[in-house]
């Protein structure tokens, strides 16, 4: 599955480091609201989009149903967000957008 990440918005609170969008290129969809987290011990993870329900608790709006696939997907997202942030903070290169795919 070809995916891209874009529009990382820093937001630091506890383990939260920011939010970003995921483009699933084959499906032609964008999923906003993924979040990047990092613990003080250096472990990092991606959380799937969620929203508060009527009781104020957060529930996932997009979630994996296969834990093995979810782990691979999360690892891929971590690699992609690292590349995106390196490009953004490096030579001023912008991450390609889905519209530029194949040009």
PDB file of N, CA and C in Angstrom:
ATOM      1  N   UNK A   1       0.851  -1.172   0.000  1.00  0.00           N
ATOM      2  CA  UNK A   1       0.000   0.000   0.000  1.00  0.00           C
ATOM      3  C   UNK A   1       0.898   1.237   0.000  1.00  0.00           C
ATOM      4  N   UNK A   2       0.619   2.128  -0.924  1.00  0.00           N
ATOM      5  CA  UNK A   2       1.395   3.365  -0.986  1.00  0.00           C
ATOM      6  C   UNK A   2       0.678   4.444  -0.190  1.00  0.00           C
ATOM      7  N   UNK A   3       1.409   4.996   0.760  1.00  0.00           N
ATOM      8  CA  UNK A   3       0.853   6.073   1.574  1.00  0.00           C
ATOM      9  C   UNK A   3       1.865   7.205   1.668  1.00  0.00           C
ATOM     10  N   UNK A   4       1.365   8.377   1.969  1.00  0.00           N
ATOM     11  CA  UNK A   4       2.198   9.551   2.218  1.00  0.00           C
ATOM     12  C   UNK A   4       1.658  10.262   3.437  1.00  0.00           C
ATOM     13  N   UNK A   5       2.529  11.005   4.094  1.00  0.00           N
ATOM     14  CA  UNK A   5       2.096  11.861   5.197  1.00  0.00           C
ATOM     15  C   UNK A   5       2.371  13.302   4.812  1.00  0.00           C
ATOM     16  N   UNK A   6       1.581  14.210   5.367  1.00  0.00           N
ATOM     17  CA  UNK A   6       1.737  15.621   5.036  1.00  0.00           C
ATOM     18  C   UNK A   6       1.103  16.465   6.136  1.00  0.00           C
ATOM     19  N   UNK A   7       1.394  17.737   6.100  1.00  0.00           N
ATOM     20  CA  UNK A   7       0.791  18.746   6.967  1.00  0.00           C
ATOM     21  C   UNK A   7       0.947  18.433   8.457  1.00  0.00           C
ATOM     22  N   UNK A   8       2.185  18.121   8.849  1.00  0.00           N
ATOM     23  CA  UNK A   8       2.455  17.908  10.267  1.00  0.00           C
ATOM     24  C   UNK A   8       2.311  19.231  11.004  1.00  0.00           C
ATOM     25  N   UNK A   9       1.514  19.217  12.064  1.00  0.00           N
ATOM     26  CA  UNK A   9       1.304  20.399  12.891  1.00  0.00           C
ATOM     27  C   UNK A   9       1.810  20.080  14.295  1.00  0.00           C
ATOM     28  N   UNK A  10       2.912  20.712  14.716  1.00  0.00           N
ATOM     29  CA  UNK A  10       3.430  20.443  16.064  1.00  0.00           C
ATOM     30  C   UNK A  10       2.421  20.842  17.135  1.00  0.00           C
ATOM     31  N   UNK A  11       2.319  20.003  18.148  1.00  0.00           N
ATOM     32  CA  UNK A  11       1.455  20.291  19.293  1.00  0.00           C
ATOM     33  C   UNK A  11       1.958  19.428  20.446  1.00  0.00           C
ATOM     34  N   UNK A  12       2.655  20.045  21.381  1.00  0.00           N
ATOM     35  CA  UNK A  12       3.258  19.286  22.470  1.00  0.00           C
ATOM     36  C   UNK A  12       2.399  19.334  23.724  1.00  0.00           C
ATOM     37  N   UNK A  13       2.069  18.140  24.205  1.00  0.00           N
ATOM     38  CA  UNK A  13       1.308  17.983  25.434  1.00  0.00           C
ATOM     39  C   UNK A  13       1.525  16.553  25.920  1.00  0.00           C
ATOM     40  N   UNK A  14       2.132  16.397  27.079  1.00  0.00           N
ATOM     41  CA  UNK A  14       2.489  15.070  27.587  1.00  0.00           C
ATOM     42  C   UNK A  14       3.308  14.330  26.527  1.00  0.00           C
ATOM     43  N   UNK A  15       2.822  13.198  26.024  1.00  0.00           N
ATOM     44  CA  UNK A  15       3.582  12.455  25.008  1.00  0.00           C
ATOM     45  C   UNK A  15       3.313  12.952  23.589  1.00  0.00           C
ATOM     46  N   UNK A  16       2.273  13.724  23.399  1.00  0.00           N
ATOM     47  CA  UNK A  16       1.890  14.203  22.068  1.00  0.00           C
ATOM     48  C   UNK A  16       2.941  15.151  21.509  1.00  0.00           C
ATOM     49  N   UNK A  17       3.315  14.933  20.237  1.00  0.00           N
ATOM     50  CA  UNK A  17       4.269  15.812  19.560  1.00  0.00           C
ATOM     51  C   UNK A  17       3.643  16.557  18.393  1.00  0.00           C
ATOM     52  N   UNK A  18       2.499  16.058  17.880  1.00  0.00           N
ATOM     53  CA  UNK A  18       1.839  16.759  16.789  1.00  0.00           C
ATOM     54  C   UNK A  18       0.870  15.879  16.037  1.00  0.00           C
ATOM     55  N   UNK A  19       0.192  16.506  15.062  1.00  0.00           N
ATOM     56  CA  UNK A  19      -0.825  15.837  14.253  1.00  0.00           C
ATOM     57  C   UNK A  19      -0.418  15.886  12.787  1.00  0.00           C
ATOM     58  N   UNK A  20      -0.903  14.933  12.003  1.00  0.00           N
ATOM     59  CA  UNK A  20      -0.600  14.913  10.573  1.00  0.00           C
ATOM     60  C   UNK A  20      -1.684  14.171   9.810  1.00  0.00           C
ATOM     61  N   UNK A  21      -1.657  14.363   8.479  1.00  0.00           N
ATOM     62  CA  UNK A  21      -2.603  13.701   7.582  1.00  0.00           C
ATOM     63  C   UNK A  21      -1.914  12.520   6.915  1.00  0.00           C
ATOM     64  N   UNK A  22      -2.702  11.497   6.599  1.00  0.00           N
ATOM     65  CA  UNK A  22      -2.211  10.332   5.867  1.00  0.00           C
ATOM     66  C   UNK A  22      -2.992  10.224   4.563  1.00  0.00           C
ATOM     67  N   UNK A  23      -2.260  10.127   3.463  1.00  0.00           N
ATOM     68  CA  UNK A  23      -2.862   9.928   2.152  1.00  0.00           C
ATOM     69  C   UNK A  23      -2.709   8.456   1.778  1.00  0.00           C
ATOM     70  N   UNK A  24      -3.819   7.780   1.505  1.00  0.00           N
ATOM     71  CA  UNK A  24      -3.810   6.397   1.019  1.00  0.00           C
ATOM     72  C   UNK A  24      -3.999   6.517  -0.489  1.00  0.00           C
ATOM     73  N   UNK A  25      -2.898   6.420  -1.218  1.00  0.00           N
ATOM     74  CA  UNK A  25      -2.896   6.797  -2.626  1.00  0.00           C
ATOM     75  C   UNK A  25      -3.784   5.907  -3.490  1.00  0.00           C
ATOM     76  N   UNK A  26      -3.741   4.586  -3.302  1.00  0.00           N
ATOM     77  CA  UNK A  26      -4.548   3.703  -4.144  1.00  0.00           C
ATOM     78  C   UNK A  26      -6.042   3.949  -3.950  1.00  0.00           C
ATOM     79  N   UNK A  27      -6.442   4.320  -2.752  1.00  0.00           N
ATOM     80  CA  UNK A  27      -7.860   4.543  -2.470  1.00  0.00           C
ATOM     81  C   UNK A  27      -8.292   5.969  -2.789  1.00  0.00           C
ATOM     82  N   UNK A  28      -7.323   6.870  -2.961  1.00  0.00           N
ATOM     83  CA  UNK A  28      -7.651   8.255  -3.251  1.00  0.00           C
ATOM     84  C   UNK A  28      -8.282   8.979  -2.070  1.00  0.00           C
ATOM     85  N   UNK A  29      -7.876   8.609  -0.859  1.00  0.00           N
ATOM     86  CA  UNK A  29      -8.461   9.250   0.330  1.00  0.00           C
ATOM     87  C   UNK A  29      -7.372   9.852   1.211  1.00  0.00           C
ATOM     88  N   UNK A  30      -7.787  10.837   1.993  1.00  0.00           N
ATOM     89  CA  UNK A  30      -6.913  11.442   2.986  1.00  0.00           C
ATOM     90  C   UNK A  30      -7.584  11.243   4.342  1.00  0.00           C
ATOM     91  N   UNK A  31      -6.764  10.898   5.335  1.00  0.00           N
ATOM     92  CA  UNK A  31      -7.274  10.689   6.689  1.00  0.00           C
ATOM     93  C   UNK A  31      -6.551  11.669   7.611  1.00  0.00           C
ATOM     94  N   UNK A  32      -7.225  12.724   8.051  1.00  0.00           N
ATOM     95  CA  UNK A  32      -6.592  13.670   8.975  1.00  0.00           C
ATOM     96  C   UNK A  32      -6.670  13.152  10.414  1.00  0.00           C
ATOM     97  N   UNK A  33      -5.857  13.722  11.268  1.00  0.00           N
ATOM     98  CA  UNK A  33      -5.986  13.465  12.698  1.00  0.00           C
ATOM     99  C   UNK A  33      -5.104  12.390  13.274  1.00  0.00           C
ATOM    100  N   UNK A  34      -4.146  11.859  12.508  1.00  0.00           N
ATOM    101  CA  UNK A  34      -3.175  10.953  13.107  1.00  0.00           C
ATOM    102  C   UNK A  34      -2.295  11.760  14.047  1.00  0.00           C
ATOM    103  N   UNK A  35      -1.788  11.144  15.091  1.00  0.00           N
ATOM    104  CA  UNK A  35      -0.925  11.869  16.020  1.00  0.00           C
ATOM    105  C   UNK A  35       0.369  11.108  16.268  1.00  0.00           C
ATOM    106  N   UNK A  36       1.422  11.876  16.464  1.00  0.00           N
ATOM    107  CA  UNK A  36       2.744  11.345  16.776  1.00  0.00           C
ATOM    108  C   UNK A  36       2.993  11.546  18.261  1.00  0.00           C
ATOM    109  N   UNK A  37       3.460  10.477  18.919  1.00  0.00           N
ATOM    110  CA  UNK A  37       3.729  10.520  20.360  1.00  0.00           C
ATOM    111  C   UNK A  37       5.153  10.051  20.633  1.00  0.00           C
ATOM    112  N   UNK A  38       5.708  10.548  21.756  1.00  0.00           N
ATOM    113  CA  UNK A  38       7.042  10.136  22.178  1.00  0.00           C
ATOM    114  C   UNK A  38       7.101  10.188  23.693  1.00  0.00           C
ATOM    115  N   UNK A  39       7.603   9.107  24.281  1.00  0.00           N
ATOM    116  CA  UNK A  39       7.723   9.074  25.738  1.00  0.00           C
ATOM    117  C   UNK A  39       9.068   9.657  26.148  1.00  0.00           C
ATOM    118  N   UNK A  40       9.201   9.960  27.420  1.00  0.00           N
ATOM    119  CA  UNK A  40      10.463  10.460  27.939  1.00  0.00           C
ATOM    120  C   UNK A  40      11.583   9.452  27.792  1.00  0.00           C
ATOM    121  N   UNK A  41      11.236   8.170  27.717  1.00  0.00           N
ATOM    122  CA  UNK A  41      12.229   7.100  27.555  1.00  0.00           C
ATOM    123  C   UNK A  41      12.635   6.927  26.095  1.00  0.00           C
ATOM    124  N   UNK A  42      12.025   7.703  25.202  1.00  0.00           N
ATOM    125  CA  UNK A  42      12.409   7.657  23.797  1.00  0.00           C
ATOM    126  C   UNK A  42      11.574   6.745  22.919  1.00  0.00           C
ATOM    127  N   UNK A  43      10.601   6.036  23.472  1.00  0.00           N
ATOM    128  CA  UNK A  43       9.760   5.218  22.596  1.00  0.00           C
ATOM    129  C   UNK A  43       8.792   6.136  21.850  1.00  0.00           C
ATOM    130  N   UNK A  44       8.500   5.754  20.616  1.00  0.00           N
ATOM    131  CA  UNK A  44       7.644   6.570  19.758  1.00  0.00           C
ATOM    132  C   UNK A  44       6.534   5.716  19.191  1.00  0.00           C
ATOM    133  N   UNK A  45       5.380   6.339  18.957  1.00  0.00           N
ATOM    134  CA  UNK A  45       4.275   5.626  18.347  1.00  0.00           C
ATOM    135  C   UNK A  45       3.349   6.602  17.656  1.00  0.00           C
ATOM    136  N   UNK A  46       2.513   6.029  16.798  1.00  0.00           N
ATOM    137  CA  UNK A  46       1.500   6.772  16.060  1.00  0.00           C
ATOM    138  C   UNK A  46       0.149   6.338  16.602  1.00  0.00           C
ATOM    139  N   UNK A  47      -0.727   7.288  16.794  1.00  0.00           N
ATOM    140  CA  UNK A  47      -2.078   6.982  17.239  1.00  0.00           C
ATOM    141  C   UNK A  47      -3.044   7.305  16.109  1.00  0.00           C
ATOM    142  N   UNK A  48      -4.033   6.443  15.928  1.00  0.00           N
ATOM    143  CA  UNK A  48      -5.038   6.632  14.897  1.00  0.00           C
ATOM    144  C   UNK A  48      -6.006   7.739  15.310  1.00  0.00           C
ATOM    145  N   UNK A  49      -6.647   8.394  14.336  1.00  0.00           N
ATOM    146  CA  UNK A  49      -7.571   9.499  14.644  1.00  0.00           C
ATOM    147  C   UNK A  49      -8.689   9.071  15.597  1.00  0.00           C
ATOM    148  N   UNK A  50      -9.047   9.993  16.484  1.00  0.00           N
ATOM    149  CA  UNK A  50     -10.132   9.742  17.422  1.00  0.00           C
ATOM    150  C   UNK A  50     -10.878  11.044  17.671  1.00  0.00           C
ATOM    151  N   UNK A  51     -12.052  10.915  18.282  1.00  0.00           N
ATOM    152  CA  UNK A  51     -12.841  12.097  18.623  1.00  0.00           C
ATOM    153  C   UNK A  51     -13.579  11.809  19.925  1.00  0.00           C
ATOM    154  N   UNK A  52     -13.968  12.861  20.630  1.00  0.00           N
ATOM    155  CA  UNK A  52     -14.705  12.627  21.878  1.00  0.00           C
ATOM    156  C   UNK A  52     -16.130  12.167  21.584  1.00  0.00           C
ATOM    157  N   UNK A  53     -16.596  11.223  22.377  1.00  0.00           N
ATOM    158  CA  UNK A  53     -17.981  10.789  22.242  1.00  0.00           C
ATOM    159  C   UNK A  53     -18.852  11.597  23.203  1.00  0.00           C
ATOM    160  N   UNK A  54     -20.104  11.218  23.369  1.00  0.00           N
ATOM    161  CA  UNK A  54     -21.040  11.987  24.205  1.00  0.00           C
ATOM    162  C   UNK A  54     -20.649  12.016  25.674  1.00  0.00           C
ATOM    163  N   UNK A  55     -19.878  11.017  26.114  1.00  0.00           N
ATOM    164  CA  UNK A  55     -19.455  10.990  27.520  1.00  0.00           C
ATOM    165  C   UNK A  55     -18.126  11.709  27.736  1.00  0.00           C
ATOM    166  N   UNK A  56     -17.526  12.212  26.645  1.00  0.00           N
ATOM    167  CA  UNK A  56     -16.255  12.919  26.753  1.00  0.00           C
ATOM    168  C   UNK A  56     -15.044  12.023  26.608  1.00  0.00           C
ATOM    169  N   UNK A  57     -15.250  10.717  26.495  1.00  0.00           N
ATOM    170  CA  UNK A  57     -14.144   9.795  26.256  1.00  0.00           C
ATOM    171  C   UNK A  57     -13.837   9.775  24.773  1.00  0.00           C
ATOM    172  N   UNK A  58     -12.576   9.515  24.453  1.00  0.00           N
ATOM    173  CA  UNK A  58     -12.182   9.490  23.049  1.00  0.00           C
ATOM    174  C   UNK A  58     -12.352   8.093  22.476  1.00  0.00           C
ATOM    175  N   UNK A  59     -12.873   8.051  21.240  1.00  0.00           N
ATOM    176  CA  UNK A  59     -12.995   6.783  20.535  1.00  0.00           C
ATOM    177  C   UNK A  59     -12.398   6.938  19.143  1.00  0.00           C
ATOM    178  N   UNK A  60     -11.803   5.862  18.657  1.00  0.00           N
ATOM    179  CA  UNK A  60     -11.175   5.879  17.339  1.00  0.00           C
ATOM    180  C   UNK A  60     -12.231   6.066  16.250  1.00  0.00           C
ATOM    181  N   UNK A  61     -11.904   6.882  15.248  1.00  0.00           N
ATOM    182  CA  UNK A  61     -12.784   7.039  14.096  1.00  0.00           C
ATOM    183  C   UNK A  61     -12.254   6.236  12.913  1.00  0.00           C
ATOM    184  N   UNK A  62     -10.979   5.907  12.959  1.00  0.00           N
ATOM    185  CA  UNK A  62     -10.341   5.007  12.004  1.00  0.00           C
ATOM    186  C   UNK A  62      -9.505   4.067  12.848  1.00  0.00           C
ATOM    187  N   UNK A  63      -9.667   2.762  12.610  1.00  0.00           N
ATOM    188  CA  UNK A  63      -8.907   1.822  13.425  1.00  0.00           C
ATOM    189  C   UNK A  63      -8.588   0.568  12.626  1.00  0.00           C
ATOM    190  N   UNK A  64      -7.493  -0.064  12.959  1.00  0.00           N
ATOM    191  CA  UNK A  64      -7.142  -1.316  12.291  1.00  0.00           C
ATOM    192  C   UNK A  64      -7.949  -2.473  12.878  1.00  0.00           C
ATOM    193  N   UNK A  65      -8.202  -3.466  12.061  1.00  0.00           N
ATOM    194  CA  UNK A  65      -8.853  -4.669  12.590  1.00  0.00           C
ATOM    195  C   UNK A  65      -7.892  -5.844  12.627  1.00  0.00           C
ATOM    196  N   UNK A  66      -6.713  -5.702  12.049  1.00  0.00           N
ATOM    197  CA  UNK A  66      -5.683  -6.739  12.059  1.00  0.00           C
ATOM    198  C   UNK A  66      -4.462  -6.166  12.760  1.00  0.00           C
ATOM    199  N   UNK A  67      -4.144  -6.670  13.933  1.00  0.00           N
ATOM    200  CA  UNK A  67      -3.065  -6.079  14.730  1.00  0.00           C
ATOM    201  C   UNK A  67      -1.701  -6.203  14.047  1.00  0.00           C
ATOM    202  N   UNK A  68      -1.479  -7.287  13.291  1.00  0.00           N
ATOM    203  CA  UNK A  68      -0.193  -7.412  12.583  1.00  0.00           C
ATOM    204  C   UNK A  68      -0.065  -6.345  11.509  1.00  0.00           C
ATOM    205  N   UNK A  69      -1.147  -6.121  10.763  1.00  0.00           N
ATOM    206  CA  UNK A  69      -1.125  -5.087   9.732  1.00  0.00           C
ATOM    207  C   UNK A  69      -1.013  -3.698  10.359  1.00  0.00           C
ATOM    208  N   UNK A  70      -1.676  -3.497  11.487  1.00  0.00           N
ATOM    209  CA  UNK A  70      -1.617  -2.205  12.168  1.00  0.00           C
ATOM    210  C   UNK A  70      -0.191  -1.881  12.596  1.00  0.00           C
ATOM    211  N   UNK A  71       0.528  -2.887  13.085  1.00  0.00           N
ATOM    212  CA  UNK A  71       1.919  -2.677  13.510  1.00  0.00           C
ATOM    213  C   UNK A  71       2.785  -2.268  12.317  1.00  0.00           C
ATOM    214  N   UNK A  72       2.623  -2.962  11.190  1.00  0.00           N
ATOM    215  CA  UNK A  72       3.380  -2.618   9.979  1.00  0.00           C
ATOM    216  C   UNK A  72       3.020  -1.206   9.501  1.00  0.00           C
ATOM    217  N   UNK A  73       1.732  -0.896   9.509  1.00  0.00           N
ATOM    218  CA  UNK A  73       1.260   0.412   9.081  1.00  0.00           C
ATOM    219  C   UNK A  73       1.847   1.505   9.971  1.00  0.00           C
ATOM    220  N   UNK A  74       1.826   1.300  11.279  1.00  0.00           N
ATOM    221  CA  UNK A  74       2.373   2.277  12.223  1.00  0.00           C
ATOM    222  C   UNK A  74       3.869   2.468  12.017  1.00  0.00           C
ATOM    223  N   UNK A  75       4.593   1.377  11.795  1.00  0.00           N
ATOM    224  CA  UNK A  75       6.040   1.477  11.539  1.00  0.00           C
ATOM    225  C   UNK A  75       6.310   2.252  10.259  1.00  0.00           C
ATOM    226  N   UNK A  76       5.485   1.995   9.230  1.00  0.00           N
ATOM    227  CA  UNK A  76       5.631   2.737   7.976  1.00  0.00           C
ATOM    228  C   UNK A  76       5.355   4.221   8.192  1.00  0.00           C
ATOM    229  N   UNK A  77       4.326   4.542   8.968  1.00  0.00           N
ATOM    230  CA  UNK A  77       4.012   5.943   9.253  1.00  0.00           C
ATOM    231  C   UNK A  77       5.148   6.626  10.004  1.00  0.00           C
ATOM    232  N   UNK A  78       5.753   5.943  10.964  1.00  0.00           N
ATOM    233  CA  UNK A  78       6.880   6.535  11.699  1.00  0.00           C
ATOM    234  C   UNK A  78       8.037   6.847  10.757  1.00  0.00           C
ATOM    235  N   UNK A  79       8.343   5.930   9.829  1.00  0.00           N
ATOM    236  CA  UNK A  79       9.414   6.195   8.850  1.00  0.00           C
ATOM    237  C   UNK A  79       9.060   7.393   7.974  1.00  0.00           C
ATOM    238  N   UNK A  80       7.802   7.424   7.507  1.00  0.00           N
ATOM    239  CA  UNK A  80       7.386   8.508   6.621  1.00  0.00           C
ATOM    240  C   UNK A  80       7.357   9.854   7.330  1.00  0.00           C
ATOM    241  N   UNK A  81       6.913   9.892   8.574  1.00  0.00           N
ATOM    242  CA  UNK A  81       6.880  11.169   9.291  1.00  0.00           C
ATOM    243  C   UNK A  81       8.301  11.650   9.572  1.00  0.00           C
ATOM    244  N   UNK A  82       9.224  10.719   9.851  1.00  0.00           N
ATOM    245  CA  UNK A  82      10.626  11.107  10.029  1.00  0.00           C
ATOM    246  C   UNK A  82      11.191  11.719   8.750  1.00  0.00           C
ATOM    247  N   UNK A  83      10.907  11.087   7.604  1.00  0.00           N
ATOM    248  CA  UNK A  83      11.374  11.624   6.320  1.00  0.00           C
ATOM    249  C   UNK A  83      10.750  12.995   6.050  1.00  0.00           C
ATOM    250  N   UNK A  84       9.475  13.119   6.303  1.00  0.00           N
ATOM    251  CA  UNK A  84       8.771  14.383   6.088  1.00  0.00           C
ATOM    252  C   UNK A  84       9.392  15.493   6.941  1.00  0.00           C
ATOM    253  N   UNK A  85       9.605  15.209   8.215  1.00  0.00           N
ATOM    254  CA  UNK A  85      10.165  16.226   9.116  1.00  0.00           C
ATOM    255  C   UNK A  85      11.606  16.550   8.754  1.00  0.00           C
ATOM    256  N   UNK A  86      12.362  15.555   8.332  1.00  0.00           N
ATOM    257  CA  UNK A  86      13.741  15.804   7.912  1.00  0.00           C
ATOM    258  C   UNK A  86      13.756  16.698   6.675  1.00  0.00           C
ATOM    259  N   UNK A  87      12.890  16.411   5.706  1.00  0.00           N
ATOM    260  CA  UNK A  87      12.807  17.237   4.501  1.00  0.00           C
ATOM    261  C   UNK A  87      12.366  18.654   4.846  1.00  0.00           C
ATOM    262  N   UNK A  88      11.373  18.757   5.719  1.00  0.00           N
ATOM    263  CA  UNK A  88      10.836  20.070   6.093  1.00  0.00           C
ATOM    264  C   UNK A  88      11.863  20.899   6.848  1.00  0.00           C
ATOM    265  N   UNK A  89      12.648  20.263   7.688  1.00  0.00           N
ATOM    266  CA  UNK A  89      13.641  20.977   8.486  1.00  0.00           C
ATOM    267  C   UNK A  89      14.998  21.046   7.808  1.00  0.00           C
ATOM    268  N   UNK A  90      15.163  20.288   6.723  1.00  0.00           N
ATOM    269  CA  UNK A  90      16.445  20.226   6.035  1.00  0.00           C
ATOM    270  C   UNK A  90      16.579  21.273   4.966  1.00  0.00           C
ATOM    271  N   UNK A  91      16.636  20.798   3.751  1.00  0.00           N
ATOM    272  CA  UNK A  91      16.924  21.660   2.601  1.00  0.00           C
ATOM    273  C   UNK A  91      15.707  22.433   2.115  1.00  0.00           C
ATOM    274  N   UNK A  92      14.647  22.485   2.902  1.00  0.00           N
ATOM    275  CA  UNK A  92      13.477  23.223   2.484  1.00  0.00           C
ATOM    276  C   UNK A  92      12.624  22.485   1.472  1.00  0.00           C
ATOM    277  N   UNK A  93      12.946  21.215   1.267  1.00  0.00           N
ATOM    278  CA  UNK A  93      12.160  20.405   0.352  1.00  0.00           C
ATOM    279  C   UNK A  93      10.792  20.150   0.933  1.00  0.00           C
ATOM    280  N   UNK A  94       9.785  20.190   0.098  1.00  0.00           N
ATOM    281  CA  UNK A  94       8.433  19.879   0.549  1.00  0.00           C
ATOM    282  C   UNK A  94       8.122  18.437   0.180  1.00  0.00           C
ATOM    283  N   UNK A  95       7.442  17.760   1.075  1.00  0.00           N
ATOM    284  CA  UNK A  95       7.006  16.397   0.809  1.00  0.00           C
ATOM    285  C   UNK A  95       6.088  16.396  -0.402  1.00  0.00           C
ATOM    286  N   UNK A  96       6.215  15.390  -1.288  1.00  0.00           N
ATOM    287  CA  UNK A  96       5.323  15.351  -2.447  1.00  0.00           C
ATOM    288  C   UNK A  96       3.882  15.178  -2.013  1.00  0.00           C
ATOM    289  N   UNK A  97       2.983  15.778  -2.783  1.00  0.00           N
ATOM    290  CA  UNK A  97       1.559  15.624  -2.502  1.00  0.00           C
ATOM    291  C   UNK A  97       1.002  14.546  -3.401  1.00  0.00           C
ATOM    292  N   UNK A  98      -0.135  13.985  -3.060  1.00  0.00           N
ATOM    293  CA  UNK A  98      -0.724  12.950  -3.909  1.00  0.00           C
ATOM    294  C   UNK A  98      -0.968  13.448  -5.341  1.00  0.00           C
ATOM    295  N   UNK A  99      -1.261  14.728  -5.500  1.00  0.00           N
ATOM    296  CA  UNK A  99      -1.506  15.263  -6.839  1.00  0.00           C
ATOM    297  C   UNK A  99      -0.253  15.214  -7.700  1.00  0.00           C
ATOM    298  N   UNK A 100       0.934  15.280  -7.062  1.00  0.00           N
ATOM    299  CA  UNK A 100       2.181  15.273  -7.829  1.00  0.00           C
ATOM    300  C   UNK A 100       2.666  13.856  -8.112  1.00  0.00           C
ATOM    301  N   UNK A 101       1.999  12.854  -7.529  1.00  0.00           N
ATOM    302  CA  UNK A 101       2.371  11.458  -7.731  1.00  0.00           C
ATOM    303  C   UNK A 101       2.300  11.125  -9.210  1.00  0.00           C
ATOM    304  N   UNK A 102       3.352  10.536  -9.740  1.00  0.00           N
ATOM    305  CA  UNK A 102       3.370  10.099 -11.116  1.00  0.00           C
ATOM    306  C   UNK A 102       3.758  11.167 -12.104  1.00  0.00           C
ATOM    307  N   UNK A 103       4.107  12.359 -11.661  1.00  0.00           N
ATOM    308  CA  UNK A 103       4.518  13.406 -12.596  1.00  0.00           C
ATOM    309  C   UNK A 103       5.990  13.311 -12.878  1.00  0.00           C
TER     310      UNK A 103
END
